[in-house]
C-alpha atoms as a PDB file:
ATOM      1  CA  UNK A   1      92.218  70.762  99.795  1.00  0.00           C
ATOM      2  CA  UNK A   2      90.801  70.055  96.343  1.00  0.00           C
ATOM      3  CA  UNK A   3      93.821  71.720  94.713  1.00  0.00           C
ATOM      4  CA  UNK A   4      96.119  69.297  96.536  1.00  0.00           C
ATOM      5  CA  UNK A   5      93.994  66.339  95.443  1.00  0.00           C
ATOM      6  CA  UNK A   6      94.037  67.419  91.788  1.00  0.00           C
ATOM      7  CA  UNK A   7      97.694  68.392  91.702  1.00  0.00           C
ATOM      8  CA  UNK A   8      99.399  65.997  89.290  1.00  0.00           C
ATOM      9  CA  UNK A   9      96.217  64.080  88.432  1.00  0.00           C
ATOM     10  CA  UNK A  10      96.026  62.436  85.014  1.00  0.00           C
ATOM     11  CA  UNK A  11      92.433  63.622  84.531  1.00  0.00           C
ATOM     12  CA  UNK A  12      89.484  65.137  86.352  1.00  0.00           C
ATOM     13  CA  UNK A  13      85.930  63.874  85.795  1.00  0.00           C
ATOM     14  CA  UNK A  14      83.172  65.873  87.458  1.00  0.00           C
ATOM     15  CA  UNK A  15      79.699  64.293  87.354  1.00  0.00           C
ATOM     16  CA  UNK A  16      78.237  66.133  90.347  1.00  0.00           C
ATOM     17  CA  UNK A  17      74.632  67.304  90.257  1.00  0.00           C
ATOM     18  CA  UNK A  18      71.356  66.771  92.068  1.00  0.00           C
ATOM     19  CA  UNK A  19      68.941  64.419  90.277  1.00  0.00           C
ATOM     20  CA  UNK A  20      66.518  66.117  87.884  1.00  0.00           C
ATOM     21  CA  UNK A  21      63.931  63.401  88.532  1.00  0.00           C
ATOM     22  CA  UNK A  22      61.761  65.674  90.668  1.00  0.00           C
ATOM     23  CA  UNK A  23      59.240  68.488  90.462  1.00  0.00           C
ATOM     24  CA  UNK A  24      60.895  71.781  89.578  1.00  0.00           C
ATOM     25  CA  UNK A  25      59.859  73.633  92.709  1.00  0.00           C
ATOM     26  CA  UNK A  26      61.869  76.776  93.569  1.00  0.00           C
ATOM     27  CA  UNK A  27      63.861  74.829  96.178  1.00  0.00           C
ATOM     28  CA  UNK A  28      64.608  71.958  93.814  1.00  0.00           C
ATOM     29  CA  UNK A  29      65.584  74.380  91.065  1.00  0.00           C
ATOM     30  CA  UNK A  30      68.093  76.048  93.396  1.00  0.00           C
ATOM     31  CA  UNK A  31      69.580  72.659  94.287  1.00  0.00           C
ATOM     32  CA  UNK A  32      69.691  71.427  90.689  1.00  0.00           C
ATOM     33  CA  UNK A  33      71.409  74.597  89.460  1.00  0.00           C
ATOM     34  CA  UNK A  34      73.689  75.136  92.457  1.00  0.00           C
ATOM     35  CA  UNK A  35      74.893  71.534  92.682  1.00  0.00           C
ATOM     36  CA  UNK A  36      76.084  71.727  89.086  1.00  0.00           C
ATOM     37  CA  UNK A  37      77.374  75.263  88.740  1.00  0.00           C
ATOM     38  CA  UNK A  38      78.954  75.587  92.199  1.00  0.00           C
ATOM     39  CA  UNK A  39      80.675  72.201  91.929  1.00  0.00           C
ATOM     40  CA  UNK A  40      82.020  73.091  88.492  1.00  0.00           C
ATOM     41  CA  UNK A  41      83.352  76.433  89.718  1.00  0.00           C
ATOM     42  CA  UNK A  42      85.007  74.712  92.672  1.00  0.00           C
ATOM     43  CA  UNK A  43      86.714  72.185  90.398  1.00  0.00           C
ATOM     44  CA  UNK A  44      87.888  75.017  88.145  1.00  0.00           C
ATOM     45  CA  UNK A  45      89.332  76.932  91.098  1.00  0.00           C
ATOM     46  CA  UNK A  46      91.107  73.825  92.359  1.00  0.00           C
ATOM     47  CA  UNK A  47      92.654  73.152  88.948  1.00  0.00           C
ATOM     48  CA  UNK A  48      93.752  76.802  88.691  1.00  0.00           C
ATOM     49  CA  UNK A  49      95.554  76.558  92.038  1.00  0.00           C
ATOM     50  CA  UNK A  50      97.284  73.236  91.328  1.00  0.00           C
ATOM     51  CA  UNK A  51     101.050  73.421  90.866  1.00  0.00           C
ATOM     52  CA  UNK A  52     100.803  70.663  88.235  1.00  0.00           C
ATOM     53  CA  UNK A  53      97.285  70.963  86.805  1.00  0.00           C
ATOM     54  CA  UNK A  54      95.676  67.916  85.176  1.00  0.00           C
ATOM     55  CA  UNK A  55      95.931  67.868  81.365  1.00  0.00           C
ATOM     56  CA  UNK A  56      92.203  67.205  80.864  1.00  0.00           C
ATOM     57  CA  UNK A  57      88.956  68.066  82.661  1.00  0.00           C
ATOM     58  CA  UNK A  58      85.755  66.253  81.694  1.00  0.00           C
ATOM     59  CA  UNK A  59      82.669  67.932  83.124  1.00  0.00           C
ATOM     60  CA  UNK A  60      79.130  66.595  82.976  1.00  0.00           C
ATOM     61  CA  UNK A  61      76.596  68.502  80.911  1.00  0.00           C
ATOM     62  CA  UNK A  62      73.353  67.426  79.250  1.00  0.00           C
ATOM     63  CA  UNK A  63      71.698  67.104  75.855  1.00  0.00           C
ATOM     64  CA  UNK A  64      68.714  68.899  77.397  1.00  0.00           C
ATOM     65  CA  UNK A  65      70.372  72.002  75.941  1.00  0.00           C
ATOM     66  CA  UNK A  66      69.040  71.196  72.476  1.00  0.00           C
ATOM     67  CA  UNK A  67      65.702  72.365  71.133  1.00  0.00           C
ATOM     68  CA  UNK A  68      62.647  70.090  71.290  1.00  0.00           C
ATOM     69  CA  UNK A  69      62.720  68.819  67.712  1.00  0.00           C
ATOM     70  CA  UNK A  70      62.511  65.782  65.442  1.00  0.00           C
ATOM     71  CA  UNK A  71      65.543  67.026  63.504  1.00  0.00           C
ATOM     72  CA  UNK A  72      68.894  65.319  64.203  1.00  0.00           C
ATOM     73  CA  UNK A  73      71.218  67.460  66.330  1.00  0.00           C
ATOM     74  CA  UNK A  74      74.996  67.267  66.426  1.00  0.00           C
ATOM     75  CA  UNK A  75      77.118  69.424  68.735  1.00  0.00           C
ATOM     76  CA  UNK A  76      76.168  72.526  66.744  1.00  0.00           C
ATOM     77  CA  UNK A  77      72.440  71.840  67.127  1.00  0.00           C
ATOM     78  CA  UNK A  78      69.964  74.614  67.913  1.00  0.00           C
ATOM     79  CA  UNK A  79      69.178  75.508  71.533  1.00  0.00           C
ATOM     80  CA  UNK A  80      65.835  77.156  72.280  1.00  0.00           C
ATOM     81  CA  UNK A  81      63.071  76.658  74.809  1.00  0.00           C
ATOM     82  CA  UNK A  82      59.662  75.261  73.834  1.00  0.00           C
ATOM     83  CA  UNK A  83      56.982  76.629  76.207  1.00  0.00           C
ATOM     84  CA  UNK A  84      54.515  73.776  75.698  1.00  0.00           C
ATOM     85  CA  UNK A  85      57.200  71.280  76.685  1.00  0.00           C
ATOM     86  CA  UNK A  86      58.370  73.321  79.673  1.00  0.00           C
ATOM     87  CA  UNK A  87      62.115  72.958  79.078  1.00  0.00           C
ATOM     88  CA  UNK A  88      63.249  76.550  79.704  1.00  0.00           C
ATOM     89  CA  UNK A  89      64.709  75.761  83.122  1.00  0.00           C
ATOM     90  CA  UNK A  90      66.634  72.721  81.863  1.00  0.00           C
ATOM     91  CA  UNK A  91      68.203  74.768  79.089  1.00  0.00           C
ATOM     92  CA  UNK A  92      69.087  77.554  81.531  1.00  0.00           C
ATOM     93  CA  UNK A  93      70.838  75.020  83.773  1.00  0.00           C
ATOM     94  CA  UNK A  94      72.930  73.532  80.969  1.00  0.00           C
ATOM     95  CA  UNK A  95      73.995  76.947  79.696  1.00  0.00           C
ATOM     96  CA  UNK A  96      75.107  78.053  83.168  1.00  0.00           C
ATOM     97  CA  UNK A  97      76.774  74.681  83.793  1.00  0.00           C
ATOM     98  CA  UNK A  98      78.861  74.812  80.620  1.00  0.00           C
ATOM     99  CA  UNK A  99      79.656  78.505  81.118  1.00  0.00           C
ATOM    100  CA  UNK A 100      81.088  77.742  84.563  1.00  0.00           C
ATOM    101  CA  UNK A 101      83.551  75.316  82.999  1.00  0.00           C
ATOM    102  CA  UNK A 102      84.380  77.523  80.019  1.00  0.00           C
ATOM    103  CA  UNK A 103      85.070  80.565  82.227  1.00  0.00           C
ATOM    104  CA  UNK A 104      87.385  78.734  84.630  1.00  0.00           C
ATOM    105  CA  UNK A 105      90.964  80.089  84.307  1.00  0.00           C
ATOM    106  CA  UNK A 106      92.703  76.791  83.477  1.00  0.00           C
ATOM    107  CA  UNK A 107      94.816  77.449  80.354  1.00  0.00           C
ATOM    108  CA  UNK A 108      96.939  74.300  80.792  1.00  0.00           C
ATOM    109  CA  UNK A 109      93.923  71.986  81.010  1.00  0.00           C
ATOM    110  CA  UNK A 110      91.854  70.745  78.066  1.00  0.00           C
ATOM    111  CA  UNK A 111      88.123  71.047  78.788  1.00  0.00           C
ATOM    112  CA  UNK A 112      85.394  68.692  77.568  1.00  0.00           C
ATOM    113  CA  UNK A 113      81.681  69.173  78.302  1.00  0.00           C
ATOM    114  CA  UNK A 114      79.925  65.797  78.290  1.00  0.00           C
ATOM    115  CA  UNK A 115      76.463  66.394  76.822  1.00  0.00           C
ATOM    116  CA  UNK A 116      74.988  63.226  78.240  1.00  0.00           C
ATOM    117  CA  UNK A 117      71.724  61.683  77.093  1.00  0.00           C
ATOM    118  CA  UNK A 118      69.716  58.907  78.788  1.00  0.00           C
ATOM    119  CA  UNK A 119      72.203  56.383  80.233  1.00  0.00           C
ATOM    120  CA  UNK A 120      70.875  52.821  80.455  1.00  0.00           C
ATOM    121  CA  UNK A 121      72.452  50.687  83.170  1.00  0.00           C
ATOM    122  CA  UNK A 122      71.096  47.526  84.810  1.00  0.00           C
ATOM    123  CA  UNK A 123      71.492  48.669  88.415  1.00  0.00           C
ATOM    124  CA  UNK A 124      69.784  52.052  88.420  1.00  0.00           C
ATOM    125  CA  UNK A 125      68.490  55.025  86.519  1.00  0.00           C
ATOM    126  CA  UNK A 126      65.846  54.819  83.805  1.00  0.00           C
ATOM    127  CA  UNK A 127      66.316  51.230  82.606  1.00  0.00           C
ATOM    128  CA  UNK A 128      64.806  49.472  85.663  1.00  0.00           C
ATOM    129  CA  UNK A 129      61.901  51.957  85.647  1.00  0.00           C
ATOM    130  CA  UNK A 130      60.953  51.324  82.011  1.00  0.00           C
ATOM    131  CA  UNK A 131      61.451  47.580  82.455  1.00  0.00           C
ATOM    132  CA  UNK A 132      59.182  47.528  85.490  1.00  0.00           C
ATOM    133  CA  UNK A 133      56.483  49.490  83.658  1.00  0.00           C
ATOM    134  CA  UNK A 134      56.619  47.066  80.733  1.00  0.00           C
ATOM    135  CA  UNK A 135      56.392  44.017  83.005  1.00  0.00           C
ATOM    136  CA  UNK A 136      53.374  45.530  84.771  1.00  0.00           C
ATOM    137  CA  UNK A 137      51.588  45.988  81.440  1.00  0.00           C
ATOM    138  CA  UNK A 138      52.056  49.769  81.499  1.00  0.00           C
ATOM    139  CA  UNK A 139      54.733  50.014  78.830  1.00  0.00           C
ATOM    140  CA  UNK A 140      52.755  51.786  76.126  1.00  0.00           C
ATOM    141  CA  UNK A 141      53.846  54.847  74.196  1.00  0.00           C
ATOM    142  CA  UNK A 142      53.777  58.179  76.008  1.00  0.00           C
ATOM    143  CA  UNK A 143      51.979  61.061  74.364  1.00  0.00           C
ATOM    144  CA  UNK A 144      52.210  60.766  70.585  1.00  0.00           C
ATOM    145  CA  UNK A 145      55.078  58.303  70.906  1.00  0.00           C
ATOM    146  CA  UNK A 146      56.778  60.097  68.032  1.00  0.00           C
ATOM    147  CA  UNK A 147      59.190  62.050  70.238  1.00  0.00           C
ATOM    148  CA  UNK A 148      62.782  60.906  69.841  1.00  0.00           C
ATOM    149  CA  UNK A 149      64.726  59.338  72.701  1.00  0.00           C
ATOM    150  CA  UNK A 150      68.510  59.559  72.716  1.00  0.00           C
ATOM    151  CA  UNK A 151      70.241  56.983  74.886  1.00  0.00           C
ATOM    152  CA  UNK A 152      73.545  55.221  75.566  1.00  0.00           C
ATOM    153  CA  UNK A 153      74.492  51.920  77.183  1.00  0.00           C
ATOM    154  CA  UNK A 154      76.478  52.495  80.361  1.00  0.00           C
ATOM    155  CA  UNK A 155      79.401  50.456  78.985  1.00  0.00           C
ATOM    156  CA  UNK A 156      79.675  52.799  76.007  1.00  0.00           C
ATOM    157  CA  UNK A 157      79.362  55.788  78.330  1.00  0.00           C
ATOM    158  CA  UNK A 158      82.429  54.600  80.256  1.00  0.00           C
ATOM    159  CA  UNK A 159      84.317  53.786  77.054  1.00  0.00           C
ATOM    160  CA  UNK A 160      83.521  57.240  75.654  1.00  0.00           C
ATOM    161  CA  UNK A 161      84.889  58.901  78.793  1.00  0.00           C
ATOM    162  CA  UNK A 162      88.102  56.872  78.519  1.00  0.00           C
ATOM    163  CA  UNK A 163      88.354  57.755  74.817  1.00  0.00           C
ATOM    164  CA  UNK A 164      87.982  61.474  75.496  1.00  0.00           C
ATOM    165  CA  UNK A 165      90.683  61.377  78.156  1.00  0.00           C
ATOM    166  CA  UNK A 166      93.095  59.850  75.658  1.00  0.00           C
ATOM    167  CA  UNK A 167      92.208  62.025  72.646  1.00  0.00           C
ATOM    168  CA  UNK A 168      94.048  65.318  73.090  1.00  0.00           C
ATOM    169  CA  UNK A 169      92.466  66.647  69.887  1.00  0.00           C
ATOM    170  CA  UNK A 170      88.930  66.639  71.321  1.00  0.00           C
ATOM    171  CA  UNK A 171      87.628  69.515  73.421  1.00  0.00           C
ATOM    172  CA  UNK A 172      84.504  71.573  74.026  1.00  0.00           C
ATOM    173  CA  UNK A 173      81.025  70.019  73.958  1.00  0.00           C
ATOM    174  CA  UNK A 174      80.760  66.342  72.990  1.00  0.00           C
ATOM    175  CA  UNK A 175      77.470  64.467  72.658  1.00  0.00           C
ATOM    176  CA  UNK A 176      77.544  61.269  74.717  1.00  0.00           C
ATOM    177  CA  UNK A 177      74.866  59.193  73.020  1.00  0.00           C
ATOM    178  CA  UNK A 178      74.296  56.215  70.767  1.00  0.00           C
ATOM    179  CA  UNK A 179      74.318  56.986  67.024  1.00  0.00           C
ATOM    180  CA  UNK A 180      70.828  55.458  66.756  1.00  0.00           C
ATOM    181  CA  UNK A 181      68.129  57.315  68.715  1.00  0.00           C
ATOM    182  CA  UNK A 182      64.641  55.794  68.611  1.00  0.00           C
ATOM    183  CA  UNK A 183      61.121  57.080  69.033  1.00  0.00           C
ATOM    184  CA  UNK A 184      59.392  56.667  72.372  1.00  0.00           C
ATOM    185  CA  UNK A 185      56.935  54.222  70.774  1.00  0.00           C
ATOM    186  CA  UNK A 186      59.767  52.060  69.427  1.00  0.00           C
ATOM    187  CA  UNK A 187      61.632  52.120  72.732  1.00  0.00           C
ATOM    188  CA  UNK A 188      58.586  50.991  74.680  1.00  0.00           C
ATOM    189  CA  UNK A 189      57.825  48.302  72.085  1.00  0.00           C
ATOM    190  CA  UNK A 190      61.303  46.855  72.593  1.00  0.00           C
ATOM    191  CA  UNK A 191      60.925  46.901  76.364  1.00  0.00           C
ATOM    192  CA  UNK A 192      57.576  45.064  76.081  1.00  0.00           C
ATOM    193  CA  UNK A 193      58.985  42.547  73.630  1.00  0.00           C
ATOM    194  CA  UNK A 194      61.978  41.724  75.817  1.00  0.00           C
ATOM    195  CA  UNK A 195      59.704  41.425  78.852  1.00  0.00           C
ATOM    196  CA  UNK A 196      57.319  39.103  77.017  1.00  0.00           C
ATOM    197  CA  UNK A 197      54.391  41.499  77.314  1.00  0.00           C
ATOM    198  CA  UNK A 198      52.530  41.861  74.000  1.00  0.00           C
ATOM    199  CA  UNK A 199      50.614  45.047  74.776  1.00  0.00           C
ATOM    200  CA  UNK A 200      50.828  48.203  76.841  1.00  0.00           C
ATOM    201  CA  UNK A 201      48.087  50.817  76.849  1.00  0.00           C
ATOM    202  CA  UNK A 202      49.181  54.181  75.422  1.00  0.00           C
ATOM    203  CA  UNK A 203      49.253  57.178  77.744  1.00  0.00           C
ATOM    204  CA  UNK A 204      47.822  60.359  76.260  1.00  0.00           C
ATOM    205  CA  UNK A 205      49.755  63.568  76.907  1.00  0.00           C
ATOM    206  CA  UNK A 206      47.355  64.682  79.637  1.00  0.00           C
ATOM    207  CA  UNK A 207      47.858  61.315  81.336  1.00  0.00           C
ATOM    208  CA  UNK A 208      51.639  61.744  81.182  1.00  0.00           C
ATOM    209  CA  UNK A 209      51.357  65.192  82.755  1.00  0.00           C
ATOM    210  CA  UNK A 210      49.051  63.927  85.487  1.00  0.00           C
ATOM    211  CA  UNK A 211      51.201  60.862  86.122  1.00  0.00           C
ATOM    212  CA  UNK A 212      54.350  62.977  86.331  1.00  0.00           C
ATOM    213  CA  UNK A 213      52.728  65.171  88.968  1.00  0.00           C
ATOM    214  CA  UNK A 214      51.649  62.126  90.984  1.00  0.00           C
ATOM    215  CA  UNK A 215      55.124  60.547  90.709  1.00  0.00           C
ATOM    216  CA  UNK A 216      56.869  63.798  91.644  1.00  0.00           C
ATOM    217  CA  UNK A 217      58.687  64.390  88.368  1.00  0.00           C
ATOM    218  CA  UNK A 218      58.482  66.591  85.267  1.00  0.00           C
ATOM    219  CA  UNK A 219      56.638  65.620  82.043  1.00  0.00           C
ATOM    220  CA  UNK A 220      59.412  67.265  80.003  1.00  0.00           C
ATOM    221  CA  UNK A 221      61.621  64.259  80.757  1.00  0.00           C
ATOM    222  CA  UNK A 222      59.218  62.035  78.786  1.00  0.00           C
ATOM    223  CA  UNK A 223      57.634  64.377  76.237  1.00  0.00           C
ATOM    224  CA  UNK A 224      60.646  66.309  74.930  1.00  0.00           C
ATOM    225  CA  UNK A 225      61.973  65.054  71.602  1.00  0.00           C
ATOM    226  CA  UNK A 226      65.753  64.601  71.602  1.00  0.00           C
ATOM    227  CA  UNK A 227      67.304  63.236  68.398  1.00  0.00           C
ATOM    228  CA  UNK A 228      70.964  63.697  69.314  1.00  0.00           C
ATOM    229  CA  UNK A 229      73.903  62.386  67.284  1.00  0.00           C
ATOM    230  CA  UNK A 230      77.502  61.778  68.527  1.00  0.00           C
ATOM    231  CA  UNK A 231      79.153  63.573  65.625  1.00  0.00           C
ATOM    232  CA  UNK A 232      82.473  64.318  67.343  1.00  0.00           C
ATOM    233  CA  UNK A 233      82.865  60.811  68.728  1.00  0.00           C
ATOM    234  CA  UNK A 234      82.160  59.185  65.366  1.00  0.00           C
ATOM    235  CA  UNK A 235      84.441  61.583  63.471  1.00  0.00           C
ATOM    236  CA  UNK A 236      87.276  60.760  65.881  1.00  0.00           C
ATOM    237  CA  UNK A 237      86.939  57.019  65.195  1.00  0.00           C
ATOM    238  CA  UNK A 238      85.065  55.914  68.309  1.00  0.00           C
ATOM    239  CA  UNK A 239      83.186  52.636  67.845  1.00  0.00           C
ATOM    240  CA  UNK A 240      80.145  51.790  69.924  1.00  0.00           C
ATOM    241  CA  UNK A 241      79.810  48.353  71.468  1.00  0.00           C
ATOM    242  CA  UNK A 242      76.027  48.807  71.642  1.00  0.00           C
ATOM    243  CA  UNK A 243      74.923  51.116  68.798  1.00  0.00           C
ATOM    244  CA  UNK A 244      71.424  49.571  68.595  1.00  0.00           C
ATOM    245  CA  UNK A 245      68.858  49.703  71.391  1.00  0.00           C
ATOM    246  CA  UNK A 246      67.686  46.081  71.073  1.00  0.00           C
ATOM    247  CA  UNK A 247      71.167  44.670  71.683  1.00  0.00           C
ATOM    248  CA  UNK A 248      71.717  47.142  74.532  1.00  0.00           C
ATOM    249  CA  UNK A 249      68.490  46.129  76.285  1.00  0.00           C
ATOM    250  CA  UNK A 250      69.209  42.432  75.776  1.00  0.00           C
ATOM    251  CA  UNK A 251      72.612  42.863  77.391  1.00  0.00           C
ATOM    252  CA  UNK A 252      71.161  44.756  80.345  1.00  0.00           C
ATOM    253  CA  UNK A 253      68.452  42.110  80.804  1.00  0.00           C
ATOM    254  CA  UNK A 254      71.170  39.418  80.982  1.00  0.00           C
ATOM    255  CA  UNK A 255      73.092  41.456  83.547  1.00  0.00           C
ATOM    256  CA  UNK A 256      69.929  41.936  85.619  1.00  0.00           C
ATOM    257  CA  UNK A 257      69.192  38.193  85.526  1.00  0.00           C
ATOM    258  CA  UNK A 258      72.723  37.312  86.604  1.00  0.00           C
ATOM    259  CA  UNK A 259      72.595  39.872  89.394  1.00  0.00           C
ATOM    260  CA  UNK A 260      69.248  38.502  90.628  1.00  0.00           C
ATOM    261  CA  UNK A 261      70.674  34.970  90.559  1.00  0.00           C
ATOM    262  CA  UNK A 262      73.628  35.969  92.735  1.00  0.00           C
ATOM    263  CA  UNK A 263      71.274  37.495  95.287  1.00  0.00           C
END
């Protein structure tokens, strides 16, 4: 059935995958890995069976592949687990995810692995969470605050996907991220400033780990340093509408206000 759906399609975009915002219990690990790898294999099989396969296949991946580091990382950046951060499983997932796409027998279809960073959108995901924390007076730095946060405005995410569909010269892994990552401390300062809250108490690393356990998530998502750069996008001429975090957050705050007014 999927082969019939994809037959003659202009492009395929696969973003399937269970949320990683959870504790990495054995059951959740199976679901996180299976929902990504199995879906990718199924898409690859469907494309292989199509009489007129789509010319391009964009498959979600993640910048979690890269090593915990303060060094900037382009698409050739180092991948290695850091035990104290606890990112071995995340890296394993991304490697298996990308391998499933690479190994699919689809010679007529260009493949792009979208190494996505933190996507900020007004209606869901991380942005409303950080905004709510800041408004409650809890928007202080996490851990040292020096860990880098790579992010992208949802509008630029969509524009990047459209760009990659059109650019036949781009394939393989592509970092989907703003060219200007910030530290955790700077990100939280901007959230507080835009929410009109002058101060937020810092959370020591042990507090982050305890809070993550209470909230049912993993501390890696907050403590890992990701300083990712969109080298391929920039080299191809892509221009970001929101390259700076302040302007991105201001835009999302306006969208949130308008949405609240309509309700």
